[in-house]
Protein backbone atom coordinates (compact mmCIF):
# COMPACT_ATOMS: atom_id res chain seq x y z
CA MET A 1 155.73 42.74 80.52
CA SER A 2 152.74 44.63 80.22
CA ASN A 3 150.00 43.96 76.87
CA ASN A 4 150.70 47.23 75.54
CA ILE A 5 150.06 47.47 71.70
CA TYR A 6 153.59 49.05 71.09
CA LEU A 7 155.27 46.23 72.83
CA GLN A 8 153.53 43.48 71.54
CA GLU A 9 153.79 44.81 67.95
CA ALA A 10 157.50 45.43 68.57
CA GLU A 11 158.14 41.42 70.26
CA ALA A 12 156.15 40.55 67.19
CA ASN A 13 158.83 42.24 64.97
CA LEU A 14 161.78 41.11 67.56
CA GLU A 15 164.08 39.48 64.37
CA GLU A 16 163.56 42.34 61.95
CA ILE A 17 165.22 44.27 64.77
CA ARG A 18 167.71 41.61 65.95
CA GLN A 19 168.94 41.71 62.13
CA ASN A 20 169.34 45.34 61.59
CA ARG A 21 171.53 45.49 65.19
CA ARG A 22 173.81 42.60 64.53
CA ASP A 23 174.02 44.04 61.15
CA PHE A 24 175.36 47.36 62.22
CA HIS A 25 177.23 45.50 65.07
CA LYS A 26 179.15 43.32 62.55
CA ASN A 27 179.82 46.60 59.93
CA PRO A 28 180.69 49.54 62.92
CA GLU A 29 181.47 53.13 61.86
CA LEU A 30 183.28 55.44 63.53
CA GLY A 31 182.05 59.07 63.59
CA PHE A 32 181.36 61.13 60.90
CA GLN A 33 182.23 57.94 58.65
CA GLU A 34 178.81 56.03 59.01
CA PHE A 35 178.08 56.04 55.34
CA ARG A 36 176.63 52.25 55.72
CA THR A 37 174.88 52.83 58.71
CA ALA A 38 173.11 56.23 57.33
CA GLU A 39 171.93 54.53 53.93
CA ARG A 40 170.55 51.05 55.40
CA VAL A 41 168.56 53.60 58.25
CA ALA A 42 167.37 56.38 55.33
CA VAL A 43 165.94 53.40 53.28
CA HIS A 44 164.17 52.02 56.22
CA LEU A 45 162.81 55.41 57.07
CA LYS A 46 161.76 55.61 53.13
CA SER A 47 159.82 52.49 53.25
CA LEU A 48 157.92 53.39 56.06
CA GLY A 49 156.40 56.87 53.60
CA MET A 50 157.77 59.36 55.74
CA GLU A 51 159.77 62.54 54.85
CA VAL A 52 163.47 61.78 54.73
CA LYS A 53 166.60 64.58 54.78
CA THR A 54 170.02 62.41 54.49
CA GLY A 55 173.41 64.10 54.83
CA THR A 56 172.99 66.44 57.86
CA ALA A 57 176.08 66.65 59.40
CA GLY A 58 177.74 64.41 57.28
CA THR A 59 176.12 61.12 57.88
CA GLY A 60 173.25 62.12 60.09
CA ILE A 61 169.39 60.82 58.91
CA VAL A 62 166.46 62.81 59.82
CA GLY A 63 162.98 61.55 59.22
CA VAL A 64 159.56 63.58 59.87
CA LEU A 65 156.54 61.73 60.24
CA ARG A 66 153.54 64.18 59.36
CA CYS A 67 150.27 62.80 60.91
CA GLN A 68 146.72 64.08 59.47
CA ASN A 69 145.62 65.95 62.91
CA PRO A 70 147.26 69.16 63.34
CA GLY A 71 149.40 69.17 66.72
CA LYS A 72 153.19 69.62 68.87
CA THR A 73 156.23 67.95 67.21
CA VAL A 74 158.02 65.43 69.01
CA ALA A 75 161.42 64.65 68.39
CA LEU A 76 163.27 60.92 69.32
CA ARG A 77 166.98 60.72 68.82
CA ALA A 78 169.84 58.11 68.28
CA ASP A 79 173.55 57.86 67.74
CA MET A 80 175.05 55.46 65.34
CA ASP A 81 178.87 56.06 65.84
CA ALA A 82 180.81 53.54 67.09
CA LEU A 83 184.43 53.14 68.82
CA PRO A 84 187.77 53.01 67.81
CA MET A 85 188.70 49.52 69.83
CA GLU A 86 189.49 45.72 68.91
CA GLU A 87 186.56 43.43 69.58
CA LYS A 88 186.35 39.97 71.02
CA ASN A 89 183.08 38.69 71.87
CA PRO A 90 182.94 35.12 70.00
CA VAL A 91 179.99 35.52 68.02
CA ALA A 92 179.08 35.21 64.51
CA TYR A 93 178.23 39.27 64.35
CA ALA A 94 181.29 40.51 66.03
CA SER A 95 182.70 43.42 63.94
CA LYS A 96 184.66 42.91 61.09
CA ASN A 97 186.23 45.69 60.82
CA PRO A 98 189.44 45.61 62.34
CA GLY A 99 190.23 48.08 65.15
CA ILE A 100 186.10 49.56 64.93
CA MET A 101 183.77 48.15 67.75
CA HIS A 102 180.22 49.02 68.68
CA ALA A 103 181.10 49.08 72.85
CA CYS A 104 178.35 51.70 73.56
CA GLY A 105 175.24 50.17 72.23
CA HIS A 106 175.04 52.63 70.07
CA ASP A 107 173.79 49.74 67.13
CA GLY A 108 171.28 48.99 69.62
CA HIS A 109 169.95 52.74 70.16
CA THR A 110 169.94 53.01 65.84
CA ALA A 111 167.94 49.62 65.89
CA MET A 112 165.83 50.77 68.58
CA LEU A 113 164.87 53.96 66.77
CA MET A 114 164.07 52.37 63.46
CA GLU A 115 161.95 50.36 65.16
CA THR A 116 159.82 53.30 67.10
CA ALA A 117 159.67 54.90 64.06
CA ARG A 118 157.77 51.87 62.14
CA LEU A 119 155.49 51.33 65.35
CA LEU A 120 154.41 55.39 65.37
CA CYS A 121 154.01 54.87 61.24
CA ASN A 122 151.63 51.88 61.79
CA HIS A 123 149.61 54.13 64.38
CA ARG A 124 149.68 57.85 62.86
CA GLU A 125 145.86 58.11 62.55
CA ARG A 126 146.02 58.02 66.29
CA LEU A 127 148.67 60.68 66.60
CA GLN A 128 148.22 64.48 66.67
CA GLY A 129 150.96 66.60 64.98
CA ASN A 130 154.36 65.58 63.75
CA ALA A 131 157.28 62.78 64.95
CA LYS A 132 160.92 63.59 63.87
CA PHE A 133 163.32 60.61 64.06
CA ILE A 134 167.22 62.38 64.56
CA PHE A 135 170.05 59.31 63.57
CA GLN A 136 172.89 61.81 64.77
CA PRO A 137 176.73 60.67 63.44
CA CYS A 138 179.62 60.94 66.22
CA GLU A 139 178.24 60.68 70.10
CA ASP A 140 181.75 59.94 70.91
CA MET A 141 184.31 62.26 69.60
CA ILE A 142 185.06 65.56 70.11
CA PRO A 143 183.79 67.28 68.61
CA SER A 144 180.55 65.69 68.27
CA GLY A 145 177.49 65.46 65.91
CA ALA A 146 174.81 66.85 67.71
CA GLU A 147 175.73 70.51 67.46
CA PRO A 148 176.66 70.31 63.94
CA MET A 149 173.22 68.77 63.20
CA ILE A 150 171.64 71.66 65.22
CA ALA A 151 173.46 74.42 63.09
CA GLU A 152 171.80 72.67 60.04
CA GLY A 153 168.57 73.29 61.54
CA VAL A 154 167.34 69.66 63.09
CA LEU A 155 165.21 71.18 65.36
CA ASN A 156 163.19 73.50 62.83
CA ASP A 157 160.64 72.76 60.19
CA PRO A 158 158.50 71.40 62.13
CA ASP A 159 159.88 72.93 65.42
CA VAL A 160 160.32 70.33 67.74
CA GLU A 161 158.65 71.03 71.27
CA ALA A 162 160.47 68.29 73.32
CA ILE A 163 162.71 65.71 72.49
CA PHE A 164 163.60 61.82 73.96
CA THR A 165 166.43 60.10 74.47
CA VAL A 166 167.04 56.23 75.44
CA HIS A 167 170.58 54.86 76.03
CA LEU A 168 170.98 51.05 76.80
CA MET A 169 173.06 50.92 80.47
CA SER A 170 175.03 47.99 81.70
CA ARG A 171 175.16 49.51 85.25
CA PHE A 172 171.49 48.56 85.76
CA PRO A 173 169.51 45.44 85.95
CA GLU A 174 167.92 44.27 82.93
CA GLY A 175 164.21 45.26 82.22
CA THR A 176 164.55 48.52 84.29
CA MET A 177 164.43 52.31 83.54
CA TRP A 178 166.28 54.92 85.26
CA LEU A 179 165.86 58.61 84.76
CA LYS A 180 166.03 62.15 87.27
CA PRO A 181 164.86 65.19 86.71
CA GLU A 182 166.92 68.50 86.53
CA TYR A 183 170.39 67.56 86.05
CA MET A 184 171.16 64.28 85.10
CA THR A 185 174.85 63.81 83.77
CA ILE A 186 178.27 65.79 84.42
CA SER A 187 179.37 68.32 82.52
CA SER A 188 182.77 67.52 81.53
CA ALA A 189 186.22 69.39 80.02
CA GLY A 190 189.31 67.77 78.38
CA PHE A 191 192.56 69.74 78.97
CA LYS A 192 196.12 69.77 77.87
CA LEU A 193 198.88 71.11 79.72
CA ILE A 194 202.39 71.72 78.14
CA LEU A 195 205.07 72.13 81.22
CA ARG A 196 208.51 73.68 79.98
CA GLY A 197 211.73 74.12 81.68
CA ARG A 198 215.44 73.67 81.00
CA GLY A 199 216.40 70.79 79.68
CA GLY A 200 220.07 69.14 80.70
CA HIS A 201 222.31 66.57 82.51
CA VAL A 202 221.05 64.63 85.18
CA GLY A 203 223.93 64.82 87.11
CA ALA A 204 223.65 68.74 87.34
CA PRO A 205 220.62 69.31 88.79
CA HIS A 206 221.26 73.02 89.42
CA GLU A 207 221.38 73.82 86.02
CA VAL A 208 218.13 72.60 84.70
CA ILE A 209 214.57 73.37 85.98
CA ASP A 210 212.35 70.16 85.85
CA PRO A 211 209.35 69.38 83.78
CA ILE A 212 208.83 65.99 85.62
CA THR A 213 209.63 67.07 88.92
CA MET A 214 207.50 70.35 87.99
CA ALA A 215 204.43 67.35 86.77
CA GLY A 216 204.68 65.09 90.09
CA MET A 217 204.11 68.15 92.37
CA LEU A 218 201.28 69.14 90.58
CA ILE A 219 199.67 65.69 89.93
CA ALA A 220 199.62 64.98 93.71
CA GLY A 221 198.78 68.86 94.52
CA SER A 222 196.16 68.96 92.67
CA GLN A 223 194.50 66.07 93.07
CA ALA A 224 194.39 66.73 96.86
CA MET A 225 193.18 70.31 96.24
CA MET A 226 190.83 70.24 93.65
CA SER A 227 188.69 67.65 95.68
CA ARG A 228 189.05 70.38 98.67
CA ARG A 229 187.54 72.77 96.57
CA ALA A 230 184.48 71.09 95.91
CA ALA A 231 181.72 71.58 98.49
CA PRO A 232 180.35 68.27 100.41
CA GLY A 233 177.93 66.64 97.95
CA GLN A 234 179.02 68.26 95.16
CA THR A 235 179.74 66.62 92.26
CA MET A 236 183.47 66.89 90.83
CA ILE A 237 185.66 64.41 89.01
CA PHE A 238 189.45 65.36 88.07
CA GLY A 239 191.72 63.62 86.72
CA PHE A 240 194.75 63.30 84.69
CA GLY A 241 194.73 60.22 81.73
CA THR A 242 198.13 60.98 79.95
CA ILE A 243 201.78 62.24 80.67
CA HIS A 244 204.49 62.18 78.31
CA GLY A 245 207.97 63.45 78.24
CA GLY A 246 211.51 62.42 78.43
CA THR A 247 214.03 60.31 76.17
CA ALA A 248 216.85 58.39 78.20
CA ASP A 249 217.30 57.88 81.78
CA ASN A 250 219.90 60.77 82.26
CA ILE A 251 218.43 63.50 80.05
CA VAL A 252 215.87 65.92 81.86
CA PRO A 253 213.98 66.83 79.19
CA ASP A 254 212.64 70.37 78.54
CA GLU A 255 209.37 69.80 78.25
CA VAL A 256 206.55 67.45 79.81
CA THR A 257 202.69 67.39 78.49
CA LEU A 258 199.68 66.06 80.67
CA THR A 259 195.84 65.25 79.89
CA GLY A 260 193.12 65.01 81.95
CA SER A 261 189.58 65.20 82.74
CA ILE A 262 187.16 67.87 84.93
CA ARG A 263 184.05 67.05 85.33
CA THR A 264 181.05 68.59 87.36
CA ALA A 265 177.08 68.58 88.06
CA THR A 266 176.72 72.09 86.16
CA PRO A 267 178.39 73.92 83.66
CA GLU A 268 178.35 76.49 86.42
CA ASP A 269 180.58 74.47 88.50
CA ARG A 270 182.80 73.63 85.60
CA GLN A 271 183.46 76.77 85.07
CA ALA A 272 184.95 77.26 88.43
CA ALA A 273 186.55 74.02 88.35
CA ILE A 274 188.45 75.28 85.25
CA ALA A 275 189.49 78.66 86.73
CA ASP A 276 190.46 76.21 90.05
CA PHE A 277 193.10 74.30 88.31
CA GLN A 278 194.73 77.14 86.15
CA ARG A 279 195.31 78.68 89.54
CA ILE A 280 197.18 75.95 90.75
CA VAL A 281 198.87 75.41 87.74
CA LYS A 282 200.32 78.73 87.85
CA GLY A 283 201.41 78.45 91.32
CA VAL A 284 203.31 75.28 91.04
CA VAL A 285 204.91 76.32 87.68
CA GLU A 286 206.11 79.71 88.88
CA SER A 287 207.47 78.57 92.07
CA ALA A 288 209.48 75.95 90.32
CA GLY A 289 210.66 78.47 87.92
CA GLY A 290 209.35 77.38 84.46
CA SER A 291 206.48 78.37 82.29
CA TYR A 292 203.32 76.51 80.69
CA GLN A 293 200.63 76.30 78.01
CA LEU A 294 197.11 75.22 79.13
CA LYS A 295 194.69 74.43 76.59
CA VAL A 296 191.02 73.40 77.78
CA GLU A 297 188.16 72.07 75.55
CA MET A 298 185.08 72.65 76.61
CA GLN A 299 183.00 69.16 75.90
CA ASN A 300 179.77 67.79 76.47
CA PRO A 301 177.75 70.31 79.04
CA SER A 302 175.50 68.40 81.68
CA ILE A 303 171.88 66.92 80.46
CA TYR A 304 168.54 68.60 81.97
CA ASN A 305 166.08 66.53 82.12
CA ASP A 306 162.63 68.81 82.01
CA PRO A 307 161.00 68.32 85.12
CA GLY A 308 157.53 68.80 83.78
CA LEU A 309 158.60 65.69 81.17
CA VAL A 310 159.98 63.37 83.31
CA PRO A 311 156.48 62.13 84.94
CA LEU A 312 155.19 61.56 81.18
CA VAL A 313 158.49 59.50 80.36
CA LYS A 314 157.75 57.57 83.85
CA LYS A 315 154.19 56.69 82.89
CA ALA A 316 155.24 55.53 79.53
CA GLY A 317 157.96 53.30 80.96
CA ALA A 318 155.70 51.99 83.67
CA ALA A 319 152.97 50.40 80.87
CA ILE A 320 155.77 48.69 79.15
CA LEU A 321 157.91 47.78 81.88
CA GLY A 322 155.61 47.69 84.84
CA GLU A 323 155.94 50.63 87.76
CA GLU A 324 158.20 48.62 90.02
CA ASN A 325 161.10 48.49 87.47
CA VAL A 326 160.94 52.48 86.91
CA GLN A 327 163.35 54.14 89.01
CA GLU A 328 164.40 57.58 89.82
CA PHE A 329 167.79 58.22 91.02
CA SER A 330 169.20 60.85 92.91
CA TRP A 331 172.81 61.47 92.27
CA ILE A 332 174.63 62.91 89.07
CA PHE A 333 175.50 60.08 86.81
CA PRO A 334 179.04 60.47 86.22
CA GLY A 335 179.18 59.79 82.41
CA GLY A 336 178.10 62.23 79.19
CA ASP A 337 176.44 62.43 75.75
CA ASP A 338 175.92 65.03 73.45
CA ALA A 339 172.10 64.73 73.30
CA ALA A 340 172.84 67.72 75.76
CA PHE A 341 173.55 70.09 73.35
CA PHE A 342 169.58 69.30 72.14
CA GLN A 343 167.99 69.76 75.58
CA GLN A 344 169.65 72.83 76.21
CA LYS A 345 166.80 74.26 72.94
CA VAL A 346 164.35 71.87 73.72
CA PRO A 347 163.02 70.57 76.56
CA GLY A 348 163.50 66.88 76.90
CA VAL A 349 164.00 63.57 78.82
CA TYR A 350 167.14 61.22 78.72
CA TRP A 351 167.08 57.87 79.87
CA TYR A 352 168.53 54.59 80.85
CA LEU A 353 167.36 51.12 79.80
CA GLY A 354 169.34 48.76 82.02
CA ILE A 355 170.66 45.64 80.12
CA ARG A 356 172.67 44.18 82.79
CA ASN A 357 172.25 40.40 83.50
CA GLU A 358 175.26 37.72 84.68
CA GLU A 359 173.13 34.96 84.76
CA LYS A 360 173.18 35.61 80.63
CA GLY A 361 176.58 36.74 80.71
CA PHE A 362 175.41 40.16 79.90
CA ASP A 363 177.76 42.47 82.69
CA LYS A 364 180.16 43.29 80.88
CA PRO A 365 180.75 47.55 81.11
CA HIS A 366 180.65 49.66 78.65
CA HIS A 367 183.75 50.49 76.01
CA ASN A 368 184.95 47.39 76.70
CA PRO A 369 185.52 44.54 74.02
CA TYR A 370 183.58 42.16 75.56
CA PHE A 371 180.38 44.19 75.49
CA ASP A 372 177.16 42.70 74.26
CA PHE A 373 173.63 42.41 75.60
CA ASP A 374 170.12 40.90 74.86
CA GLU A 375 168.43 41.87 71.94
CA ARG A 376 165.26 41.50 73.11
CA MET A 377 165.65 44.88 75.28
CA LEU A 378 165.39 46.66 72.23
CA SER A 379 161.85 45.93 71.75
CA VAL A 380 160.60 46.90 74.85
CA GLY A 381 163.34 50.29 74.68
CA ALA A 382 161.01 50.96 71.25
CA ALA A 383 157.79 50.40 72.59
CA VAL A 384 158.65 52.86 75.52
CA GLN A 385 159.61 55.59 73.06
CA ALA A 386 156.75 55.28 71.32
CA GLN A 387 154.80 55.47 73.91
CA ALA A 388 156.31 58.73 75.35
CA ALA A 389 156.32 60.46 71.77
CA THR A 390 152.66 58.90 71.69
CA ASP A 391 151.66 60.42 75.20
CA PHE A 392 152.64 63.89 74.30
CA LEU A 393 151.67 64.57 70.71
CA ASN A 394 148.15 63.68 72.23
CA SER A 395 147.99 65.36 75.55
């Protein structure tokens, strides 16, 4: 690693960063219930002497560092919520809240941003303008916390001109940065489809309209037709997640319910894919003589990384990680994040910090009950964010 001043100070403060992360990990809270986490964050920010607003979107925290010299305003954002799942890690800091676990790295994101705040406060005399620290509730559920925070003015007073977000990523090698300009993640929609027929006895198929048969036709047909509606090289993911219907082996039910997801590279592609799916459903159901109810819920839009800011963040990453560890990929990442809503309002950059290390046993995917990572990476991420914010403010 480099001799960057932010990295040196963050590494010297690693024990505090580790303690914060492990405290959050041991005491995970679900979306919009991050009361304990928010309180710890607020106490930390107040100890740094910055303005702190609590209760944004319920449990969100916003800290503002106003530097002596006037200038631009940059925001840095982290998510605080955990997932509704049981942890299986045999570690001392394992979750003590049954059925709740930090399995996506949000405990690390929160600890990182707390450290970034400390680093920038320590060097406020070299900064121009303002830095805003956004600790967001509820990223992993729909509806999520970004939109209500925006509606409550988190990007105003002072008005944010750029926003940076880092996400830990177990797909990429430890100590590497990954990002791309323009669209970086998918745009998603979830759907709930109720297929209605006419129930009856399985021994009298001529008297029933079978929604289970409709479901089978739709699953097989839509998988084939939806994939062929995407142009070669176009990112489009379509799949079913649940199917429920029926009570016994000799009863044809009145209805079957299916849920699933549609994911595309852009919001425009998402609208086109939804329209395609609606036509397919209509055709299958009408041919079977049934009826249906389809509800589509718009979820996260695609994250759009501002092409003018990507080089700035890559340069900050190279200053900490070395140029050889800063990678730009060309594909659209299949995951999503409601950080996209912030970046619809102001230019921003969302990037991944690699944490995968098979030798250390840190090779489990996100949302896995054994997910974990080397906390030394938190000092690295905090330093990169601090450097990127400094370069933006002083440019």
